[in-house]
Amino acid sequence: MRMSSKIRSLGLSLIAGFMLASTVSIAEEQYAPVQLSRDIPTVSLGGTVVPFKEVTLAAQLPGRVNFIAGIEGDTFEEKVLLVALDESELHAKSNAAYAQLANAEVSLRNAGVQYTREYYSPQSAQAMGGMALPNLFDEIFTKPMEGFVGSRNRDAERGADLFASQSRIESAKMQIVQAQAELQALDAKMRDAKSVAPFNGVIMKKFVEVGDTVQPGQPLLKFANLDYLQISLDVPSRLTPGLTDGMMLLAELDVSKQRVPVRVAQIYPMADAERHTVRVKFDLPQGVSAPGMYAKVLVPDLNAPSTELPVIPTSAIRYKRSLPGVYVKGKSGKPELRLIRVGQELGQGYTSVLSGVKAGEQVLVNPKANISAGWSSGESIVAQ
């Protein structure tokens, strides 16, 4: 049997069906039989109401705060600018990087022109010869003597000149890549200087003001989505076997003392090594609480012995001088007032009773305000 079905009134739908079938009309009054429900003992554990989504925006680079979008409680949509740091230094570095990129592009064009000239008109072939007649002198005297002595290789010189020109081209290309990389890094820093809303939400807390100087890693503000709330709870390890994802439990809110259904949303996979507890988060219904509020969750304890308690319709309970009571069908067929000790509200319009009634008795479902009844013997004293 799933634990969720045990907690969710432990078969109240069957009980409700049986009560409906067993409800009788006596003297135009509707009665319902008292049934038994197996009660799993629970432990009340306190937790904190937290947003479903919450982030802390931190500074990614040093600088001065120039802009903050609002104050605590202000609502913003996704991608709206929340905090901006001073970008003057980044813009100056960006201009310098653009200048370096332009110089590198000029150097690349110049190196290409030099390589083309060397390829088609080698400098080694235009060396000045003697008597101001370079070509004639070289052809008649210089070249034959160089070939005879072996002191000069014009092909090797031309190859070296071409390699030098090509090296200048590659160097200019690397300068361009370096300048582009610096611009990309500066663009990333400029993006990091702005903190935008990652989702629709509310500013929960500001850690800085306009004019403050921040360092990398310093918190700027806390931003959260309050459309959905959860209860964050540290559950003792011995109680975690009774919890499963999607399981429905009851929670008691600190302010209104209202009991609301909550759903197990997340069970953390690892326990705290010092406290021996497991973090569990429960989904809350919308609009019943606020972040930071205290709340208690009734967690089932499978290790404790279970008990069977009487169950009656909630509408049957009436308060006389702040004391709860029900009208029980007496031996004479007339309603008799009996004090009871109320247990937990089980949902679907039914409540458990700790004492005062027993299984098989008939209780008046909807007592009228002007009903007159006597006290039943014995049971009222037990209820007290």
Protein backbone atom coordinates (compact mmCIF):
# COMPACT_ATOMS: atom_id res chain seq x y z
CA MET A 1 0.00 0.00 0.00
CA ARG A 2 1.35 3.45 -0.86
CA MET A 3 2.01 5.64 2.13
CA SER A 4 0.35 8.54 0.36
CA SER A 5 -2.98 6.70 0.43
CA LYS A 6 -2.50 6.06 4.15
CA ILE A 7 -1.92 9.68 4.94
CA ARG A 8 -4.61 10.98 2.65
CA SER A 9 -7.30 9.90 5.05
CA LEU A 10 -6.37 6.20 4.84
CA GLY A 11 -9.29 4.95 2.85
CA LEU A 12 -11.64 7.83 3.57
CA SER A 13 -13.22 7.45 0.17
CA LEU A 14 -14.42 3.96 1.14
CA ILE A 15 -15.57 5.22 4.53
CA ALA A 16 -17.35 8.14 2.87
CA GLY A 17 -19.14 5.80 0.51
CA PHE A 18 -20.17 3.52 3.34
CA MET A 19 -21.38 6.47 5.41
CA LEU A 20 -23.35 7.80 2.52
CA ALA A 21 -25.01 4.45 2.02
CA SER A 22 -25.59 4.06 5.75
CA THR A 23 -26.95 7.56 6.40
CA VAL A 24 -30.50 7.32 7.65
CA SER A 25 -33.26 9.86 8.01
CA ILE A 26 -34.92 9.82 11.41
CA ALA A 27 -37.52 12.47 12.21
CA GLU A 28 -36.18 14.43 9.25
CA GLU A 29 -32.70 14.44 10.79
CA GLN A 30 -29.73 12.94 8.96
CA TYR A 31 -27.46 10.59 10.89
CA ALA A 32 -24.22 8.93 9.84
CA PRO A 33 -22.45 5.97 11.48
CA VAL A 34 -19.11 6.39 13.26
CA GLN A 35 -16.42 4.43 11.42
CA LEU A 36 -12.88 3.43 12.34
CA SER A 37 -9.82 4.62 10.47
CA ARG A 38 -6.32 3.23 10.89
CA ASP A 39 -4.17 6.15 12.01
CA ILE A 40 -0.45 6.27 11.19
CA PRO A 41 1.40 8.24 13.90
CA THR A 42 3.02 11.42 12.64
CA VAL A 43 5.85 13.66 13.82
CA SER A 44 5.50 17.42 13.54
CA LEU A 45 8.67 18.92 12.05
CA GLY A 46 9.32 22.62 11.60
CA GLY A 47 10.66 24.10 8.35
CA THR A 48 10.89 27.35 6.42
CA VAL A 49 8.86 28.54 3.45
CA VAL A 50 11.22 29.22 0.54
CA PRO A 51 10.71 30.29 -3.10
CA PHE A 52 10.67 27.59 -5.76
CA LYS A 53 13.32 29.57 -7.70
CA GLU A 54 15.87 31.79 -6.00
CA VAL A 55 19.25 33.09 -7.18
CA THR A 56 21.92 35.39 -5.75
CA LEU A 57 23.40 37.66 -8.42
CA ALA A 58 27.10 38.29 -7.72
CA ALA A 59 29.73 40.58 -9.27
CA GLN A 60 31.89 38.95 -11.93
CA LEU A 61 34.52 41.71 -12.08
CA PRO A 62 35.67 44.64 -9.93
CA GLY A 63 34.00 47.99 -10.44
CA ARG A 64 31.62 50.63 -9.18
CA VAL A 65 27.85 50.11 -9.11
CA ASN A 66 26.23 52.53 -11.56
CA PHE A 67 22.63 51.27 -11.66
CA ILE A 68 20.15 49.24 -9.58
CA ALA A 69 16.70 48.65 -11.06
CA GLY A 70 14.66 48.88 -7.84
CA ILE A 71 14.20 47.97 -4.21
CA GLU A 72 13.00 44.94 -2.29
CA GLY A 73 9.56 43.84 -3.44
CA ASP A 74 9.81 45.26 -6.98
CA THR A 75 8.77 42.82 -9.71
CA PHE A 76 10.65 42.43 -12.98
CA GLU A 77 10.28 40.28 -16.07
CA GLU A 78 12.90 37.96 -17.49
CA LYS A 79 15.99 39.58 -19.14
CA VAL A 80 15.35 43.01 -17.59
CA LEU A 81 18.54 44.78 -16.42
CA LEU A 82 18.80 44.68 -12.61
CA VAL A 83 22.36 45.85 -11.78
CA ALA A 84 25.04 47.53 -13.92
CA LEU A 85 28.69 48.28 -13.10
CA ASP A 86 30.84 51.11 -14.48
CA GLU A 87 32.22 50.19 -17.96
CA SER A 88 34.50 53.20 -18.64
CA GLU A 89 37.73 51.23 -18.31
CA LEU A 90 36.34 48.40 -20.42
CA HIS A 91 35.36 50.80 -23.20
CA ALA A 92 38.89 52.31 -23.18
CA LYS A 93 40.46 48.86 -23.46
CA SER A 94 38.03 48.00 -26.23
CA ASN A 95 39.07 51.08 -28.25
CA ALA A 96 42.74 50.14 -27.80
CA ALA A 97 42.00 46.59 -28.97
CA TYR A 98 40.22 47.93 -32.06
CA ALA A 99 43.29 50.07 -32.84
CA GLN A 100 45.55 47.02 -32.51
CA LEU A 101 43.24 45.12 -34.85
CA ALA A 102 43.43 47.91 -37.45
CA ASN A 103 47.27 48.01 -37.24
CA ALA A 104 47.43 44.23 -37.60
CA GLU A 105 45.23 44.37 -40.72
CA VAL A 106 47.49 47.06 -42.25
CA SER A 107 50.57 44.96 -41.46
CA LEU A 108 48.93 41.96 -43.11
CA ARG A 109 48.22 43.88 -46.31
CA ASN A 110 51.76 45.30 -46.40
CA ALA A 111 53.30 41.86 -45.83
CA GLY A 112 51.21 40.49 -48.70
CA VAL A 113 52.41 43.22 -51.05
CA GLN A 114 56.05 42.59 -50.08
CA TYR A 115 55.66 38.87 -50.64
CA THR A 116 54.17 39.45 -54.10
CA ARG A 117 57.01 41.81 -55.07
CA GLU A 118 59.63 39.35 -53.84
CA TYR A 119 58.00 36.54 -55.74
CA TYR A 120 57.92 38.35 -59.10
CA SER A 121 60.95 40.67 -58.66
CA PRO A 122 63.50 39.12 -56.27
CA GLN A 123 65.78 41.55 -54.48
CA SER A 124 68.68 39.12 -54.81
CA ALA A 125 68.57 39.47 -58.60
CA GLN A 126 68.81 43.28 -58.45
CA ALA A 127 71.98 43.70 -56.43
CA MET A 128 74.14 46.55 -57.75
CA GLY A 129 77.14 45.42 -59.80
CA GLY A 130 80.38 47.26 -60.58
CA MET A 131 80.88 50.38 -62.70
CA ALA A 132 77.20 51.35 -62.46
CA LEU A 133 76.37 48.73 -65.03
CA PRO A 134 74.79 46.08 -62.84
CA ASN A 135 73.30 43.75 -65.40
CA LEU A 136 76.19 43.81 -67.88
CA PHE A 137 78.86 43.59 -65.20
CA ASP A 138 77.02 40.79 -63.39
CA GLU A 139 76.59 38.79 -66.57
CA ILE A 140 80.24 39.22 -67.75
CA PHE A 141 82.19 39.18 -64.51
CA THR A 142 80.28 38.80 -61.23
CA LYS A 143 78.17 35.72 -61.89
CA PRO A 144 81.00 33.67 -63.48
CA MET A 145 83.30 34.50 -60.59
CA GLU A 146 80.60 33.68 -57.96
CA GLY A 147 79.98 30.35 -59.68
CA PHE A 148 83.72 29.61 -59.81
CA VAL A 149 84.42 30.60 -56.20
CA GLY A 150 81.05 29.31 -54.83
CA SER A 151 80.58 32.26 -52.49
CA ARG A 152 76.94 33.06 -53.36
CA ASN A 153 73.76 31.12 -54.13
CA ARG A 154 71.09 33.38 -55.52
CA ASP A 155 68.35 30.72 -55.34
CA ALA A 156 68.99 30.30 -51.62
CA GLU A 157 68.85 34.06 -51.11
CA ARG A 158 65.55 34.30 -52.98
CA GLY A 159 64.10 31.44 -50.96
CA ALA A 160 65.15 33.16 -47.73
CA ASP A 161 63.59 36.45 -48.83
CA LEU A 162 60.32 34.70 -49.73
CA PHE A 163 60.27 32.91 -46.36
CA ALA A 164 60.84 36.23 -44.52
CA SER A 165 57.96 37.83 -46.40
CA GLN A 166 55.68 34.88 -45.66
CA SER A 167 56.68 35.03 -41.97
CA ARG A 168 55.61 38.65 -41.83
CA ILE A 169 52.24 37.63 -43.28
CA GLU A 170 51.77 34.93 -40.62
CA SER A 171 52.86 37.32 -37.87
CA ALA A 172 50.28 39.88 -39.02
CA LYS A 173 47.58 37.17 -39.01
CA MET A 174 48.46 36.21 -35.42
CA GLN A 175 48.26 39.86 -34.39
CA ILE A 176 44.76 40.02 -35.87
CA VAL A 177 43.71 36.85 -34.01
CA GLN A 178 45.15 38.23 -30.77
CA ALA A 179 43.31 41.54 -31.18
CA GLN A 180 40.05 39.72 -31.93
CA ALA A 181 40.50 37.52 -28.85
CA GLU A 182 41.04 40.62 -26.68
CA LEU A 183 37.86 42.14 -28.09
CA GLN A 184 35.91 38.95 -27.34
CA ALA A 185 37.24 38.92 -23.77
CA LEU A 186 36.25 42.57 -23.32
CA ASP A 187 32.78 41.87 -24.73
CA ALA A 188 32.39 39.06 -22.18
CA LYS A 189 33.45 41.40 -19.37
CA MET A 190 30.97 44.00 -20.55
CA ARG A 191 28.24 41.36 -20.39
CA ASP A 192 29.40 40.39 -16.90
CA ALA A 193 29.17 44.04 -15.87
CA LYS A 194 25.39 43.77 -16.32
CA SER A 195 23.17 41.48 -14.24
CA VAL A 196 19.79 40.71 -15.82
CA ALA A 197 16.76 38.88 -14.42
CA PRO A 198 17.10 35.15 -15.20
CA PHE A 199 13.31 34.69 -14.88
CA ASN A 200 10.19 36.59 -13.85
CA GLY A 201 10.52 37.41 -10.19
CA VAL A 202 10.94 39.83 -7.30
CA ILE A 203 13.95 41.46 -5.66
CA MET A 204 14.16 39.80 -2.26
CA LYS A 205 17.21 41.59 -0.84
CA LYS A 206 19.79 44.17 -1.95
CA PHE A 207 23.38 43.85 -0.79
CA VAL A 208 24.80 47.00 -2.49
CA GLU A 209 23.75 50.52 -3.42
CA VAL A 210 24.62 52.82 -6.33
CA GLY A 211 28.19 54.07 -5.85
CA ASP A 212 29.45 51.03 -3.95
CA THR A 213 32.68 49.40 -5.17
CA VAL A 214 32.46 45.65 -5.52
CA GLN A 215 34.92 42.80 -6.06
CA PRO A 216 34.44 39.55 -8.00
CA GLY A 217 32.18 37.14 -6.14
CA GLN A 218 30.55 39.81 -3.96
CA PRO A 219 26.72 39.41 -3.77
CA LEU A 220 24.71 42.16 -5.42
CA LEU A 221 21.09 41.16 -4.80
CA LYS A 222 18.84 38.16 -4.20
CA PHE A 223 16.15 37.50 -6.82
CA ALA A 224 13.31 34.96 -6.56
CA ASN A 225 10.12 33.76 -8.20
CA LEU A 226 7.27 33.88 -5.66
CA ASP A 227 4.56 32.35 -7.85
CA TYR A 228 5.31 28.94 -6.33
CA LEU A 229 6.52 28.32 -2.79
CA GLN A 230 7.93 25.31 -0.99
CA ILE A 231 8.64 24.22 2.56
CA SER A 232 12.27 23.28 3.12
CA LEU A 233 12.54 20.71 5.91
CA ASP A 234 15.33 18.69 7.53
CA VAL A 235 13.82 15.26 8.18
CA PRO A 236 15.55 12.76 10.53
CA SER A 237 16.96 9.83 8.59
CA ARG A 238 14.72 7.34 10.42
CA LEU A 239 11.60 9.02 8.99
CA THR A 240 12.68 9.19 5.34
CA PRO A 241 11.53 5.61 4.49
CA GLY A 242 7.95 6.83 4.96
CA LEU A 243 8.33 9.54 2.30
CA THR A 244 8.06 9.15 -1.48
CA ASP A 245 8.00 11.62 -4.36
CA GLY A 246 4.52 13.01 -4.94
CA MET A 247 3.23 11.91 -1.54
CA MET A 248 0.56 14.16 0.02
CA LEU A 249 0.91 15.29 3.65
CA LEU A 250 -0.55 17.99 5.88
CA ALA A 251 1.26 21.18 6.90
CA GLU A 252 0.35 23.75 9.53
CA LEU A 253 1.12 27.39 8.76
CA ASP A 254 2.61 29.47 11.54
CA VAL A 255 0.55 32.64 11.09
CA SER A 256 -2.99 31.45 10.38
CA LYS A 257 -2.65 28.03 12.04
CA GLN A 258 -4.32 26.75 8.91
CA ARG A 259 -3.70 23.19 7.79
CA VAL A 260 -3.06 22.79 4.08
CA PRO A 261 -2.09 19.82 1.90
CA VAL A 262 1.51 19.71 0.70
CA ARG A 263 3.22 17.44 -1.82
CA VAL A 264 6.69 15.90 -1.54
CA ALA A 265 8.58 17.64 -4.37
CA GLN A 266 12.20 16.63 -3.77
CA ILE A 267 14.08 14.30 -1.44
CA TYR A 268 17.78 15.07 -1.39
CA PRO A 269 19.94 12.00 -2.14
CA MET A 270 22.48 12.56 0.66
CA ALA A 271 22.05 12.97 4.42
CA ASP A 272 23.83 15.53 6.57
CA ALA A 273 26.85 13.77 8.09
CA GLU A 274 26.65 15.73 11.37
CA ARG A 275 22.93 16.10 11.98
CA HIS A 276 21.86 12.81 10.30
CA THR A 277 18.98 14.52 8.54
CA VAL A 278 17.81 14.59 4.94
CA ARG A 279 16.64 17.77 3.24
CA VAL A 280 13.11 17.43 1.82
CA LYS A 281 11.10 20.06 -0.06
CA PHE A 282 7.30 20.18 -0.15
CA ASP A 283 5.16 22.07 -2.67
CA LEU A 284 2.68 24.51 -1.11
CA PRO A 285 -0.66 25.62 -2.59
CA GLN A 286 -0.51 29.08 -4.13
CA GLY A 287 -1.28 32.12 -2.02
CA VAL A 288 -1.28 30.49 1.42
CA SER A 289 2.05 31.74 2.80
CA ALA A 290 5.08 33.96 2.18
CA PRO A 291 8.83 33.27 1.97
CA GLY A 292 10.62 33.10 5.31
CA MET A 293 7.52 31.99 7.24
CA TYR A 294 7.66 29.08 9.66
CA ALA A 295 5.61 25.98 8.88
CA LYS A 296 5.20 22.51 10.38
CA VAL A 297 4.75 19.33 8.36
CA LEU A 298 3.20 16.15 9.76
CA VAL A 299 5.62 13.42 8.67
CA PRO A 300 4.52 9.76 9.11
CA ASP A 301 6.50 7.64 11.57
CA LEU A 302 6.47 4.02 10.39
CA ASN A 303 8.39 2.87 13.45
CA ALA A 304 5.63 3.87 15.89
CA PRO A 305 2.61 1.60 16.47
CA SER A 306 -0.52 2.59 14.59
CA THR A 307 -3.93 3.07 16.18
CA GLU A 308 -7.54 2.96 15.03
CA LEU A 309 -9.56 6.11 15.65
CA PRO A 310 -13.26 6.90 15.12
CA VAL A 311 -14.03 9.08 12.10
CA ILE A 312 -17.05 11.38 11.81
CA PRO A 313 -18.21 14.07 9.37
CA THR A 314 -16.68 17.44 10.22
CA SER A 315 -20.09 19.07 9.86
CA ALA A 316 -21.34 17.02 12.83
CA ILE A 317 -19.05 18.84 15.30
CA ARG A 318 -20.55 21.74 17.25
CA TYR A 319 -18.87 23.91 19.87
CA LYS A 320 -20.69 24.59 23.11
CA ARG A 321 -18.87 27.14 25.25
CA SER A 322 -15.67 26.41 23.28
CA LEU A 323 -16.02 22.67 23.92
CA PRO A 324 -16.47 20.38 20.89
CA GLY A 325 -19.40 18.03 20.89
CA VAL A 326 -21.63 15.93 18.64
CA TYR A 327 -25.26 14.85 18.77
CA VAL A 328 -25.47 11.08 19.11
CA LYS A 329 -28.65 9.13 18.48
CA GLY A 330 -29.79 7.91 21.90
CA LYS A 331 -31.68 4.79 22.86
CA SER A 332 -34.91 6.69 22.64
CA GLY A 333 -34.09 7.77 19.09
CA LYS A 334 -33.57 11.39 20.10
CA PRO A 335 -30.23 13.25 19.71
CA GLU A 336 -28.07 13.49 22.80
CA LEU A 337 -25.20 15.94 23.14
CA ARG A 338 -21.81 14.37 23.87
CA LEU A 339 -18.44 16.08 24.37
CA ILE A 340 -15.56 14.74 22.31
CA ARG A 341 -11.83 15.25 21.84
CA VAL A 342 -11.17 16.24 18.25
CA GLY A 343 -8.23 14.71 16.38
CA GLN A 344 -7.02 15.65 12.90
CA GLU A 345 -8.91 16.89 9.88
CA LEU A 346 -8.54 14.09 7.34
CA GLY A 347 -9.88 15.89 4.30
CA GLN A 348 -12.97 15.17 2.19
CA GLY A 349 -15.12 16.53 5.03
CA TYR A 350 -14.11 14.07 7.79
CA THR A 351 -12.32 14.40 11.14
CA SER A 352 -10.86 11.82 13.50
CA VAL A 353 -11.98 11.68 17.13
CA LEU A 354 -9.68 10.81 20.03
CA SER A 355 -12.44 10.02 22.51
CA GLY A 356 -16.15 10.52 23.14
CA VAL A 357 -17.70 8.28 20.48
CA LYS A 358 -17.17 4.73 19.30
CA ALA A 359 -17.66 2.80 16.10
CA GLY A 360 -21.22 1.93 15.20
CA GLU A 361 -22.88 4.90 16.92
CA GLN A 362 -24.98 7.32 14.89
CA VAL A 363 -24.06 11.04 14.87
CA LEU A 364 -26.19 13.88 13.56
CA VAL A 365 -24.57 15.13 10.35
CA ASN A 366 -25.82 18.74 10.32
CA PRO A 367 -27.25 19.75 13.71
CA LYS A 368 -29.59 22.73 13.61
CA ALA A 369 -29.00 25.76 15.76
CA ASN A 370 -32.27 25.34 17.68
CA ILE A 371 -31.84 21.65 18.39
CA SER A 372 -32.62 20.58 21.93
CA ALA A 373 -30.96 17.55 23.42
CA GLY A 374 -30.03 16.04 26.72
CA TRP A 375 -26.69 14.75 27.91
CA SER A 376 -25.83 11.18 27.20
CA SER A 377 -24.73 9.18 30.17
CA GLY A 378 -21.11 8.27 30.81
CA GLU A 379 -19.47 9.11 27.52
CA SER A 380 -19.33 12.89 28.14
CA ILE A 381 -17.21 12.31 31.22
CA VAL A 382 -14.79 10.21 29.18
CA ALA A 383 -14.51 12.97 26.64
CA GLN A 384 -13.40 15.40 29.29
